[in-house]
Amino acid sequence: MIELLRQRRSVRKFAGQAVEPEKVKVLTEALLRSPSSRGFNPWDFIFVQDKSILSELAGAKESGSSFIKDAALAVVVCGDQSKSDVWVEDCSIASIILQLTAQSLGLGSCWVQIHKRMHSSDMTSNHYLKEVLGLPDNIAVESIIAIGYPAEEPEPIKYDFLDFDKIHTEKWEEK
């Protein structure tokens, strides 16, 4: 696991290669095995490979989502707000499980934050995606994970660059 964490970087440039069905199946299983508070599983996932829908997803935010159009696959991570008060946390866990699984399969990925983000000055990203994807009222989008074969290989973060000042022992201490 630590090797996956060492190698995983956000990938925003994808090669044109499709993700094989057997890899999509593994990604699906990983999501459904994600931990969930009290086992409520308030999440649902929309797998998108259609280029026209990927292009619409790429417009979900004012900035920071345009690369979705070039991904082979995007997984829209949705939460049912009526099932759990911690749907955001559960969806976040599922999102990172998805990214680490993608990494283990030789795929690149990038998280696109949707929750509490804006599509435009007068429309939330969530509202925009509700219209694009036909989501019911109780469903909100937490993130979109863009996935594909990487067309770039970002360097892993070197151990020496890790911010160990963020680690506290026993009690909070100012550093």
C-alpha atoms as a PDB file:
ATOM      1  CA  MET A   1       0.000   0.000   0.000  1.00  0.00           C
ATOM      2  CA  ILE A   2       2.746   2.485   0.867  1.00  0.00           C
ATOM      3  CA  GLU A   3       4.246   1.992  -2.597  1.00  0.00           C
ATOM      4  CA  LEU A   4       0.904   2.953  -4.191  1.00  0.00           C
ATOM      5  CA  LEU A   5       0.799   6.088  -2.054  1.00  0.00           C
ATOM      6  CA  ARG A   6       4.361   6.942  -2.991  1.00  0.00           C
ATOM      7  CA  GLN A   7       3.647   6.618  -6.709  1.00  0.00           C
ATOM      8  CA  ARG A   8       0.146   8.107  -6.902  1.00  0.00           C
ATOM      9  CA  ARG A   9       0.004  11.620  -8.331  1.00  0.00           C
ATOM     10  CA  SER A  10      -2.827  13.524  -9.943  1.00  0.00           C
ATOM     11  CA  VAL A  11      -2.884  12.882 -13.687  1.00  0.00           C
ATOM     12  CA  ARG A  12      -4.644  15.424 -15.885  1.00  0.00           C
ATOM     13  CA  LYS A  13      -3.303  14.320 -19.277  1.00  0.00           C
ATOM     14  CA  PHE A  14      -4.539  11.023 -20.600  1.00  0.00           C
ATOM     15  CA  ALA A  15      -3.572   8.828 -23.544  1.00  0.00           C
ATOM     16  CA  GLY A  16      -6.431   7.972 -25.887  1.00  0.00           C
ATOM     17  CA  GLN A  17      -6.553   4.312 -24.814  1.00  0.00           C
ATOM     18  CA  ALA A  18      -9.816   2.929 -23.410  1.00  0.00           C
ATOM     19  CA  VAL A  19      -9.894   1.249 -20.015  1.00  0.00           C
ATOM     20  CA  GLU A  20     -10.436  -2.474 -20.478  1.00  0.00           C
ATOM     21  CA  PRO A  21     -13.735  -3.950 -19.202  1.00  0.00           C
ATOM     22  CA  GLU A  22     -11.913  -6.226 -16.744  1.00  0.00           C
ATOM     23  CA  LYS A  23     -10.249  -3.185 -15.153  1.00  0.00           C
ATOM     24  CA  VAL A  24     -13.590  -1.359 -15.000  1.00  0.00           C
ATOM     25  CA  LYS A  25     -14.971  -4.420 -13.208  1.00  0.00           C
ATOM     26  CA  VAL A  26     -12.165  -4.255 -10.614  1.00  0.00           C
ATOM     27  CA  LEU A  27     -12.799  -0.520 -10.096  1.00  0.00           C
ATOM     28  CA  THR A  28     -16.494  -1.286  -9.587  1.00  0.00           C
ATOM     29  CA  GLU A  29     -15.748  -3.937  -6.991  1.00  0.00           C
ATOM     30  CA  ALA A  30     -13.335  -1.646  -5.142  1.00  0.00           C
ATOM     31  CA  LEU A  31     -16.011   1.040  -4.850  1.00  0.00           C
ATOM     32  CA  LEU A  32     -18.587  -1.391  -3.538  1.00  0.00           C
ATOM     33  CA  ARG A  33     -16.092  -2.617  -0.919  1.00  0.00           C
ATOM     34  CA  SER A  34     -15.413   0.908   0.357  1.00  0.00           C
ATOM     35  CA  PRO A  35     -15.979   1.404   4.078  1.00  0.00           C
ATOM     36  CA  SER A  36     -19.056   3.319   5.125  1.00  0.00           C
ATOM     37  CA  SER A  37     -20.116   4.699   8.493  1.00  0.00           C
ATOM     38  CA  ARG A  38     -22.526   2.282  10.155  1.00  0.00           C
ATOM     39  CA  GLY A  39     -22.647   0.310   6.886  1.00  0.00           C
ATOM     40  CA  PHE A  40     -25.223   2.722   5.408  1.00  0.00           C
ATOM     41  CA  ASN A  41     -23.477   2.846   2.007  1.00  0.00           C
ATOM     42  CA  PRO A  42     -25.032   6.193   1.075  1.00  0.00           C
ATOM     43  CA  TRP A  43     -23.103   6.328  -2.169  1.00  0.00           C
ATOM     44  CA  ASP A  44     -23.951   5.606  -5.787  1.00  0.00           C
ATOM     45  CA  PHE A  45     -21.523   5.744  -8.704  1.00  0.00           C
ATOM     46  CA  ILE A  46     -22.078   6.727 -12.318  1.00  0.00           C
ATOM     47  CA  PHE A  47     -19.476   5.316 -14.723  1.00  0.00           C
ATOM     48  CA  VAL A  48     -19.159   7.494 -17.820  1.00  0.00           C
ATOM     49  CA  GLN A  49     -17.203   6.543 -20.941  1.00  0.00           C
ATOM     50  CA  ASP A  50     -19.323   8.300 -23.571  1.00  0.00           C
ATOM     51  CA  LYS A  51     -17.227  11.168 -25.003  1.00  0.00           C
ATOM     52  CA  SER A  52     -20.179  13.551 -25.306  1.00  0.00           C
ATOM     53  CA  ILE A  53     -21.098  13.086 -21.634  1.00  0.00           C
ATOM     54  CA  LEU A  54     -17.430  13.353 -20.607  1.00  0.00           C
ATOM     55  CA  SER A  55     -17.382  16.718 -22.389  1.00  0.00           C
ATOM     56  CA  GLU A  56     -20.416  17.841 -20.410  1.00  0.00           C
ATOM     57  CA  LEU A  57     -18.796  16.680 -17.162  1.00  0.00           C
ATOM     58  CA  ALA A  58     -15.699  18.693 -18.103  1.00  0.00           C
ATOM     59  CA  GLY A  59     -17.821  21.833 -17.770  1.00  0.00           C
ATOM     60  CA  ALA A  60     -18.932  21.066 -14.220  1.00  0.00           C
ATOM     61  CA  LYS A  61     -16.784  23.772 -12.638  1.00  0.00           C
ATOM     62  CA  GLU A  62     -15.635  27.257 -13.497  1.00  0.00           C
ATOM     63  CA  SER A  63     -12.098  25.879 -13.594  1.00  0.00           C
ATOM     64  CA  GLY A  64     -10.286  22.681 -12.751  1.00  0.00           C
ATOM     65  CA  SER A  65     -12.475  20.142 -14.552  1.00  0.00           C
ATOM     66  CA  SER A  66     -11.786  20.629 -18.265  1.00  0.00           C
ATOM     67  CA  PHE A  67      -9.375  17.661 -18.463  1.00  0.00           C
ATOM     68  CA  ILE A  68     -12.274  15.236 -17.821  1.00  0.00           C
ATOM     69  CA  LYS A  69     -13.125  15.419 -21.537  1.00  0.00           C
ATOM     70  CA  ASP A  70      -9.849  13.617 -22.360  1.00  0.00           C
ATOM     71  CA  ALA A  71     -10.216  10.849 -19.759  1.00  0.00           C
ATOM     72  CA  ALA A  72     -11.215   7.368 -20.866  1.00  0.00           C
ATOM     73  CA  LEU A  73     -13.513   7.059 -17.877  1.00  0.00           C
ATOM     74  CA  ALA A  74     -15.040   9.334 -15.281  1.00  0.00           C
ATOM     75  CA  VAL A  75     -16.728   8.058 -12.156  1.00  0.00           C
ATOM     76  CA  VAL A  76     -19.255  10.458 -10.658  1.00  0.00           C
ATOM     77  CA  VAL A  77     -19.362   9.797  -6.928  1.00  0.00           C
ATOM     78  CA  CYS A  78     -22.828  10.592  -5.595  1.00  0.00           C
ATOM     79  CA  GLY A  79     -24.253  10.528  -2.107  1.00  0.00           C
ATOM     80  CA  ASP A  80     -27.783  10.085  -0.846  1.00  0.00           C
ATOM     81  CA  GLN A  81     -28.121  12.880   1.694  1.00  0.00           C
ATOM     82  CA  SER A  82     -31.212  11.231   3.180  1.00  0.00           C
ATOM     83  CA  LYS A  83     -29.333   8.012   4.112  1.00  0.00           C
ATOM     84  CA  SER A  84     -26.496   9.402   6.211  1.00  0.00           C
ATOM     85  CA  ASP A  85     -25.309  12.591   7.871  1.00  0.00           C
ATOM     86  CA  VAL A  86     -21.750  11.650   6.872  1.00  0.00           C
ATOM     87  CA  TRP A  87     -22.382  10.962   3.197  1.00  0.00           C
ATOM     88  CA  VAL A  88     -19.593  13.392   2.232  1.00  0.00           C
ATOM     89  CA  GLU A  89     -17.053  11.468   4.289  1.00  0.00           C
ATOM     90  CA  ASP A  90     -18.234   8.112   2.969  1.00  0.00           C
ATOM     91  CA  CYS A  91     -18.088   9.373  -0.626  1.00  0.00           C
ATOM     92  CA  SER A  92     -14.616  10.808  -0.004  1.00  0.00           C
ATOM     93  CA  ILE A  93     -13.396   7.445   1.257  1.00  0.00           C
ATOM     94  CA  ALA A  94     -14.830   5.747  -1.828  1.00  0.00           C
ATOM     95  CA  SER A  95     -13.162   8.338  -4.057  1.00  0.00           C
ATOM     96  CA  ILE A  96      -9.675   7.695  -2.689  1.00  0.00           C
ATOM     97  CA  ILE A  97     -10.237   3.916  -2.721  1.00  0.00           C
ATOM     98  CA  LEU A  98     -11.074   4.308  -6.420  1.00  0.00           C
ATOM     99  CA  GLN A  99      -7.935   6.354  -7.074  1.00  0.00           C
ATOM    100  CA  LEU A 100      -5.656   3.891  -5.306  1.00  0.00           C
ATOM    101  CA  THR A 101      -7.246   0.963  -7.121  1.00  0.00           C
ATOM    102  CA  ALA A 102      -6.782   2.769 -10.440  1.00  0.00           C
ATOM    103  CA  GLN A 103      -3.112   3.322  -9.554  1.00  0.00           C
ATOM    104  CA  SER A 104      -2.703  -0.375  -8.752  1.00  0.00           C
ATOM    105  CA  LEU A 105      -4.044  -1.196 -12.232  1.00  0.00           C
ATOM    106  CA  GLY A 106      -1.563   1.086 -14.025  1.00  0.00           C
ATOM    107  CA  LEU A 107      -4.122   3.838 -14.542  1.00  0.00           C
ATOM    108  CA  GLY A 108      -3.846   7.512 -13.707  1.00  0.00           C
ATOM    109  CA  SER A 109      -6.554   9.543 -12.036  1.00  0.00           C
ATOM    110  CA  CYS A 110      -7.460  12.964 -10.741  1.00  0.00           C
ATOM    111  CA  TRP A 111     -10.076  13.990  -8.184  1.00  0.00           C
ATOM    112  CA  VAL A 112     -12.418  16.813  -9.227  1.00  0.00           C
ATOM    113  CA  GLN A 113     -14.101  18.331  -6.181  1.00  0.00           C
ATOM    114  CA  ILE A 114     -17.785  19.055  -6.835  1.00  0.00           C
ATOM    115  CA  HIS A 115     -19.341  19.432  -3.372  1.00  0.00           C
ATOM    116  CA  LYS A 116     -19.568  23.152  -2.521  1.00  0.00           C
ATOM    117  CA  ARG A 117     -18.102  24.241  -5.879  1.00  0.00           C
ATOM    118  CA  MET A 118     -19.581  26.475  -8.569  1.00  0.00           C
ATOM    119  CA  HIS A 119     -20.341  25.780 -12.211  1.00  0.00           C
ATOM    120  CA  SER A 120     -20.925  29.484 -12.837  1.00  0.00           C
ATOM    121  CA  SER A 121     -21.603  32.604 -10.799  1.00  0.00           C
ATOM    122  CA  ASP A 122     -25.267  31.661 -10.429  1.00  0.00           C
ATOM    123  CA  MET A 123     -25.251  27.831 -10.504  1.00  0.00           C
ATOM    124  CA  THR A 124     -23.566  25.243  -8.294  1.00  0.00           C
ATOM    125  CA  SER A 125     -21.615  22.406  -9.839  1.00  0.00           C
ATOM    126  CA  ASN A 126     -24.003  20.014  -8.135  1.00  0.00           C
ATOM    127  CA  HIS A 127     -27.055  21.641  -9.740  1.00  0.00           C
ATOM    128  CA  TYR A 128     -25.367  21.576 -13.151  1.00  0.00           C
ATOM    129  CA  LEU A 129     -24.610  17.849 -12.783  1.00  0.00           C
ATOM    130  CA  LYS A 130     -28.149  17.120 -11.575  1.00  0.00           C
ATOM    131  CA  GLU A 131     -29.359  18.497 -14.910  1.00  0.00           C
ATOM    132  CA  VAL A 132     -26.708  16.732 -17.019  1.00  0.00           C
ATOM    133  CA  LEU A 133     -27.117  13.341 -15.321  1.00  0.00           C
ATOM    134  CA  GLY A 134     -30.798  13.448 -14.318  1.00  0.00           C
ATOM    135  CA  LEU A 135     -30.106  13.029 -10.608  1.00  0.00           C
ATOM    136  CA  PRO A 136     -33.003  12.905  -8.128  1.00  0.00           C
ATOM    137  CA  ASP A 137     -33.320  15.617  -5.455  1.00  0.00           C
ATOM    138  CA  ASN A 138     -31.870  13.546  -2.595  1.00  0.00           C
ATOM    139  CA  ILE A 139     -28.681  12.747  -4.520  1.00  0.00           C
ATOM    140  CA  ALA A 140     -25.693  15.101  -4.445  1.00  0.00           C
ATOM    141  CA  VAL A 141     -22.373  14.814  -6.229  1.00  0.00           C
ATOM    142  CA  GLU A 142     -19.291  14.790  -4.028  1.00  0.00           C
ATOM    143  CA  SER A 143     -16.603  14.316  -6.666  1.00  0.00           C
ATOM    144  CA  ILE A 144     -15.767  13.154 -10.148  1.00  0.00           C
ATOM    145  CA  ILE A 145     -12.736  10.914 -10.547  1.00  0.00           C
ATOM    146  CA  ALA A 146     -11.196  11.138 -14.023  1.00  0.00           C
ATOM    147  CA  ILE A 147      -9.401   7.922 -14.963  1.00  0.00           C
ATOM    148  CA  GLY A 148      -7.327   6.735 -17.893  1.00  0.00           C
ATOM    149  CA  TYR A 149      -3.928   5.663 -19.067  1.00  0.00           C
ATOM    150  CA  PRO A 150      -1.570   8.510 -18.222  1.00  0.00           C
ATOM    151  CA  ALA A 151      -0.009  10.569 -21.011  1.00  0.00           C
ATOM    152  CA  GLU A 152       2.250  12.103 -18.365  1.00  0.00           C
ATOM    153  CA  GLU A 153       4.228  10.615 -15.499  1.00  0.00           C
ATOM    154  CA  PRO A 154       4.430  13.161 -12.683  1.00  0.00           C
ATOM    155  CA  GLU A 155       7.377  12.530 -10.380  1.00  0.00           C
ATOM    156  CA  PRO A 156       6.517  11.094  -6.978  1.00  0.00           C
ATOM    157  CA  ILE A 157       6.858  13.509  -4.081  1.00  0.00           C
ATOM    158  CA  LYS A 158      10.245  12.939  -2.513  1.00  0.00           C
ATOM    159  CA  TYR A 159      10.335  11.765   1.103  1.00  0.00           C
ATOM    160  CA  ASP A 160      12.367  14.842   2.049  1.00  0.00           C
ATOM    161  CA  PHE A 161       9.507  17.088   0.856  1.00  0.00           C
ATOM    162  CA  LEU A 162       6.926  15.565   3.206  1.00  0.00           C
ATOM    163  CA  ASP A 163       5.726  18.076   5.814  1.00  0.00           C
ATOM    164  CA  PHE A 164       6.509  16.291   9.071  1.00  0.00           C
ATOM    165  CA  ASP A 165       5.461  19.431  10.993  1.00  0.00           C
ATOM    166  CA  LYS A 166       1.912  18.163  10.445  1.00  0.00           C
ATOM    167  CA  ILE A 167       2.606  15.167  12.702  1.00  0.00           C
ATOM    168  CA  HIS A 168       2.049  15.604  16.451  1.00  0.00           C
ATOM    169  CA  THR A 169       2.767  13.061  19.176  1.00  0.00           C
ATOM    170  CA  GLU A 170       0.511  12.554  22.186  1.00  0.00           C
ATOM    171  CA  LYS A 171      -0.619  16.233  22.269  1.00  0.00           C
ATOM    172  CA  TRP A 172      -0.656  19.250  19.994  1.00  0.00           C
ATOM    173  CA  GLU A 173       2.645  21.063  19.969  1.00  0.00           C
ATOM    174  CA  GLU A 174       3.504  24.196  18.022  1.00  0.00           C
ATOM    175  CA  LYS A 175       6.380  23.699  15.624  1.00  0.00           C
END
